[in-house]
Amino acid sequence: MSAATLITAARDLSAALAPLTFAPPVTHVYNPLEYAWAPHEAYLRRYGEGSKRVVFLGMNPGPFGMAQIGVPFGEIAAVRDWLGITAPVGKPAQENPKKPVEGFACKRSEVSGARLWSLFRERFGTPEVFFATHFVANYCPLAFFAEGKNLTPDKLPAAEVAPVIAACDAHLRTVVETTGAEWVIGIGAYAEAQAVRALAGMAVKTGRILHPSPASPAANRGWAPQAVAELVRQGVWPA
C-alpha cells in the first residue's frame, strides 16, 4: 500500500532530521512532521494511495502553510475546504515568537499555496480527480528562521545542510519509487535542481514550473497561465 509506505518514509525522514543542529544566523528550526504530524498523516493517508503520473515538488515549508498545518503548500483555506483535512496541531519544541504556530487558526494566507491549489481545483475540479494521477510533496520538511526572517535551505552553509540533503534525497527517491511517478516537476529552480541530482539514474523525467511566490515579479503577472503553459510545453499536461 503506497500510502502506508509514504507514511513510514515521512516518519523515517523526520527521525533522521531530528538530531541535527544549525549555527547562527539560524535561530529556530521547525519540523512540522513532528508537531503537525496529524494533518500530514491525514494528507498522506487520504491522497497518497495508488500510482501517480506527476509529483509536484516544493522546496520547504512556508511559514503560513506547511509550517502551520503540516501539508505541503498548505494554504489553510484550501486544505480545510478543498482537501477536506483538519486535525490537531501542536507546537514546535522551540517556538519562534516572531513566527508563532497557530495551526488551522492561523489567519495569514500562504499565497504560494493558494495559487497552486487554486490552479489544481480549476483544472481538475475535485481533489480525488487531481490525486488520481498527481501528488504534491516538499523536498525538505524543515523551516528555518533567523529571528523573523525565513531562511530557505539554499541559504545555509553547504557543510551544515549536507545531512539534510542526504536524508531528503533518500526520502524523495522513496516517494518516486512508491508512486511510480513518470514526472517530478520542481516548483521553482531549487526543487528542480534537487530532483535532477537526487533522481539521477532513475526512470523518471524532471521539469519545472515557475514558483508561485508573491516575491517573484513574474509570478505576480498571471502565475497560473504561465504554469499551465510550462506544463503543456514540457509534455506533462495536454494542451
Protein backbone atom coordinates (compact mmCIF):
# COMPACT_ATOMS: atom_id res chain seq x y z
CA MET A 1 0.00 0.00 0.00
CA SER A 2 1.66 3.19 -1.14
CA ALA A 3 0.05 5.48 1.45
CA ALA A 4 1.40 3.31 4.26
CA THR A 5 4.84 3.34 2.64
CA LEU A 6 4.75 7.14 2.33
CA ILE A 7 3.74 7.45 5.99
CA THR A 8 6.65 5.26 7.07
CA ALA A 9 9.03 7.22 4.83
CA ALA A 10 7.88 10.52 6.34
CA ARG A 11 8.41 9.18 9.86
CA ASP A 12 11.89 7.99 8.89
CA LEU A 13 12.73 11.37 7.37
CA SER A 14 11.57 13.19 10.48
CA ALA A 15 13.63 10.89 12.70
CA ALA A 16 16.73 11.39 10.55
CA LEU A 17 16.44 15.18 10.79
CA ALA A 18 15.53 15.37 14.50
CA PRO A 19 19.08 15.33 15.95
CA LEU A 20 20.51 17.95 13.56
CA THR A 21 21.51 21.37 14.86
CA PHE A 22 22.23 24.60 12.99
CA ALA A 23 24.51 27.52 13.76
CA PRO A 24 23.66 31.23 13.61
CA PRO A 25 22.14 33.01 11.85
CA VAL A 26 19.57 30.21 12.26
CA THR A 27 17.65 30.88 15.48
CA HIS A 28 14.74 28.43 15.12
CA VAL A 29 14.02 25.27 13.12
CA TYR A 30 10.50 23.95 12.69
CA ASN A 31 9.77 20.34 11.78
CA PRO A 32 6.04 20.10 11.07
CA LEU A 33 6.40 16.33 10.64
CA GLU A 34 6.63 16.36 14.44
CA TYR A 35 4.15 18.94 15.82
CA ALA A 36 1.78 18.85 12.80
CA TRP A 37 2.02 15.12 12.17
CA ALA A 38 -1.74 14.51 12.45
CA PRO A 39 -2.73 16.59 9.38
CA HIS A 40 0.35 15.42 7.46
CA GLU A 41 -0.53 11.78 8.06
CA ALA A 42 -4.15 12.50 7.11
CA TYR A 43 -2.94 14.02 3.83
CA LEU A 44 -0.77 11.01 3.01
CA ARG A 45 -3.41 8.51 4.03
CA ARG A 46 -6.16 10.19 2.02
CA TYR A 47 -4.25 11.20 -1.10
CA GLY A 48 -1.07 9.09 -1.19
CA GLU A 49 -2.65 5.81 -2.27
CA GLY A 50 -2.04 4.40 -5.72
CA SER A 51 0.31 5.29 -8.55
CA LYS A 52 0.85 8.91 -9.62
CA ARG A 53 1.92 10.13 -13.02
CA VAL A 54 3.20 13.51 -11.79
CA VAL A 55 4.75 14.54 -8.47
CA PHE A 56 4.95 18.30 -7.90
CA LEU A 57 7.90 19.07 -5.63
CA GLY A 58 8.28 22.18 -3.48
CA MET A 59 11.38 23.37 -1.64
CA ASN A 60 10.45 23.55 2.05
CA PRO A 61 7.57 24.75 4.25
CA GLY A 62 6.28 28.29 4.03
CA PRO A 63 5.74 29.99 7.41
CA PHE A 64 1.97 30.30 6.90
CA GLY A 65 1.45 27.00 5.07
CA MET A 66 3.10 23.68 5.86
CA ALA A 67 4.83 25.22 8.88
CA GLN A 68 1.35 25.79 10.32
CA ILE A 69 -0.56 22.66 9.33
CA GLY A 70 1.88 20.06 8.00
CA VAL A 71 0.52 19.82 4.45
CA PRO A 72 2.78 20.79 1.52
CA PHE A 73 1.86 24.26 0.21
CA GLY A 74 -0.73 24.12 2.99
CA GLU A 75 -2.75 27.27 2.47
CA ILE A 76 -5.23 26.79 5.27
CA ALA A 77 -8.50 27.52 3.43
CA ALA A 78 -7.52 25.24 0.54
CA VAL A 79 -6.50 22.37 2.82
CA ARG A 80 -9.57 22.70 5.03
CA ASP A 81 -12.21 23.44 2.39
CA TRP A 82 -10.93 21.69 -0.77
CA LEU A 83 -8.77 18.86 0.54
CA GLY A 84 -11.13 18.37 3.48
CA ILE A 85 -8.37 17.98 6.07
CA THR A 86 -8.47 19.29 9.61
CA ALA A 87 -6.55 17.82 12.53
CA PRO A 88 -4.94 18.95 15.78
CA VAL A 89 -1.60 20.77 15.57
CA GLY A 90 0.83 21.12 18.45
CA LYS A 91 3.78 23.46 18.94
CA PRO A 92 7.45 23.25 17.95
CA ALA A 93 9.85 22.43 20.77
CA GLN A 94 11.27 25.95 20.48
CA GLU A 95 8.68 28.31 19.05
CA ASN A 96 9.79 31.47 17.31
CA PRO A 97 7.83 34.35 18.89
CA LYS A 98 8.00 36.16 15.56
CA LYS A 99 6.57 33.15 13.69
CA PRO A 100 4.05 31.53 16.05
CA VAL A 101 2.38 28.26 15.08
CA GLU A 102 -1.39 28.60 15.31
CA GLY A 103 -2.38 25.61 13.20
CA PHE A 104 -5.71 25.86 11.44
CA ALA A 105 -6.47 29.00 13.47
CA CYS A 106 -3.76 30.94 11.61
CA LYS A 107 -5.33 33.92 9.84
CA ARG A 108 -2.48 34.50 7.38
CA SER A 109 -2.76 33.12 3.87
CA GLU A 110 0.12 31.26 2.23
CA VAL A 111 -0.12 32.91 -1.19
CA SER A 112 2.01 30.29 -2.95
CA GLY A 113 -0.28 27.53 -1.71
CA ALA A 114 -3.42 29.47 -2.55
CA ARG A 115 -2.22 29.89 -6.14
CA LEU A 116 -1.11 26.27 -6.50
CA TRP A 117 -4.24 24.61 -5.14
CA SER A 118 -6.50 27.06 -6.98
CA LEU A 119 -4.92 26.00 -10.26
CA PHE A 120 -5.45 22.32 -9.46
CA ARG A 121 -9.04 22.96 -8.36
CA GLU A 122 -9.84 24.91 -11.52
CA ARG A 123 -8.33 22.27 -13.81
CA PHE A 124 -9.41 19.06 -12.06
CA GLY A 125 -12.49 20.06 -10.08
CA THR A 126 -12.15 17.69 -7.15
CA PRO A 127 -9.11 16.55 -5.17
CA GLU A 128 -10.00 12.94 -5.97
CA VAL A 129 -9.60 13.59 -9.70
CA PHE A 130 -6.35 15.52 -9.19
CA PHE A 131 -4.75 12.98 -6.84
CA ALA A 132 -5.72 10.03 -9.03
CA THR A 133 -2.70 10.94 -11.17
CA HIS A 134 -0.87 13.69 -9.25
CA PHE A 135 0.77 14.27 -5.88
CA VAL A 136 2.35 17.24 -4.09
CA ALA A 137 5.39 16.91 -1.81
CA ASN A 138 8.12 19.08 -0.36
CA TYR A 139 11.79 18.23 -0.82
CA CYS A 140 12.72 19.37 2.70
CA PRO A 141 10.20 19.37 5.57
CA LEU A 142 12.15 21.81 7.75
CA ALA A 143 11.51 25.55 8.03
CA PHE A 144 14.47 27.69 9.06
CA PHE A 145 14.30 31.14 10.64
CA ALA A 146 16.78 33.87 11.51
CA GLU A 147 14.60 35.66 14.07
CA GLY A 148 11.67 36.90 11.97
CA LYS A 149 13.28 36.11 8.61
CA ASN A 150 12.53 32.93 6.70
CA LEU A 151 15.71 31.17 5.51
CA THR A 152 15.49 28.74 2.60
CA PRO A 153 17.79 25.68 2.58
CA ASP A 154 19.91 27.08 -0.25
CA LYS A 155 20.98 29.93 2.07
CA LEU A 156 22.55 27.58 4.64
CA PRO A 157 26.25 26.58 4.64
CA ALA A 158 26.89 23.54 2.46
CA ALA A 159 28.52 21.51 5.22
CA GLU A 160 25.68 22.21 7.61
CA VAL A 161 22.94 21.32 5.14
CA ALA A 162 24.69 18.18 3.80
CA PRO A 163 22.99 15.73 6.21
CA VAL A 164 19.64 17.39 5.46
CA ILE A 165 20.17 16.85 1.75
CA ALA A 166 21.19 13.23 2.26
CA ALA A 167 18.01 12.47 4.22
CA CYS A 168 15.77 14.41 1.84
CA ASP A 169 17.32 12.75 -1.23
CA ALA A 170 16.59 9.31 0.21
CA HIS A 171 13.03 10.31 1.02
CA LEU A 172 12.44 11.74 -2.46
CA ARG A 173 13.68 8.54 -4.07
CA THR A 174 11.26 6.57 -1.90
CA VAL A 175 8.38 8.85 -2.93
CA VAL A 176 9.20 8.34 -6.61
CA GLU A 177 9.60 4.57 -6.24
CA THR A 178 6.40 4.29 -4.22
CA THR A 179 4.23 6.40 -6.50
CA GLY A 180 5.79 5.13 -9.73
CA ALA A 181 5.93 8.72 -10.94
CA GLU A 182 6.67 9.39 -14.60
CA TRP A 183 7.42 13.07 -13.91
CA VAL A 184 8.80 15.06 -10.98
CA ILE A 185 8.10 18.74 -11.53
CA GLY A 186 10.06 21.16 -9.38
CA ILE A 187 8.06 24.13 -8.22
CA GLY A 188 10.87 26.60 -8.76
CA ALA A 189 14.51 26.20 -9.72
CA TYR A 190 15.80 24.87 -6.36
CA ALA A 191 13.33 21.99 -6.20
CA GLU A 192 14.04 21.06 -9.80
CA ALA A 193 17.80 21.05 -9.19
CA GLN A 194 17.43 18.78 -6.15
CA ALA A 195 15.22 16.39 -8.11
CA VAL A 196 17.63 16.24 -11.06
CA ARG A 197 20.54 15.41 -8.76
CA ALA A 198 18.77 13.09 -6.32
CA LEU A 199 16.96 11.10 -9.01
CA ALA A 200 19.88 10.69 -11.43
CA GLY A 201 19.78 7.21 -12.90
CA MET A 202 16.14 6.60 -12.04
CA ALA A 203 13.49 6.09 -14.70
CA VAL A 204 11.74 9.40 -14.13
CA LYS A 205 11.60 12.65 -16.08
CA THR A 206 12.14 16.01 -14.41
CA GLY A 207 10.96 19.50 -15.22
CA ARG A 208 9.85 22.66 -13.51
CA ILE A 209 7.29 25.42 -13.30
CA LEU A 210 7.63 28.98 -12.08
CA HIS A 211 7.34 29.23 -8.30
CA PRO A 212 4.06 30.90 -7.30
CA SER A 213 5.65 33.04 -4.58
CA PRO A 214 4.43 36.65 -4.42
CA ALA A 215 8.11 37.59 -4.02
CA SER A 216 8.51 36.71 -7.71
CA PRO A 217 7.52 39.59 -10.02
CA ALA A 218 6.91 37.09 -12.83
CA ALA A 219 4.55 35.04 -10.64
CA ASN A 220 2.52 38.16 -9.92
CA ARG A 221 1.81 38.59 -13.62
CA GLY A 222 -0.67 35.73 -14.01
CA TRP A 223 1.09 32.76 -12.44
CA ALA A 224 -1.48 30.08 -13.33
CA PRO A 225 -1.49 30.62 -17.12
CA GLN A 226 2.32 30.62 -17.11
CA ALA A 227 2.45 27.38 -15.11
CA VAL A 228 -0.04 25.68 -17.42
CA ALA A 229 1.91 26.82 -20.48
CA GLU A 230 5.14 25.41 -18.99
CA LEU A 231 3.49 22.07 -18.24
CA VAL A 232 2.00 21.84 -21.73
CA ARG A 233 5.32 22.78 -23.35
CA GLN A 234 7.16 20.04 -21.44
CA GLY A 235 4.52 17.46 -22.33
CA VAL A 236 3.34 16.98 -18.75
CA TRP A 237 -0.22 18.19 -19.36
CA PRO A 238 -2.22 18.14 -22.60
CA ALA A 239 -2.98 21.48 -24.24
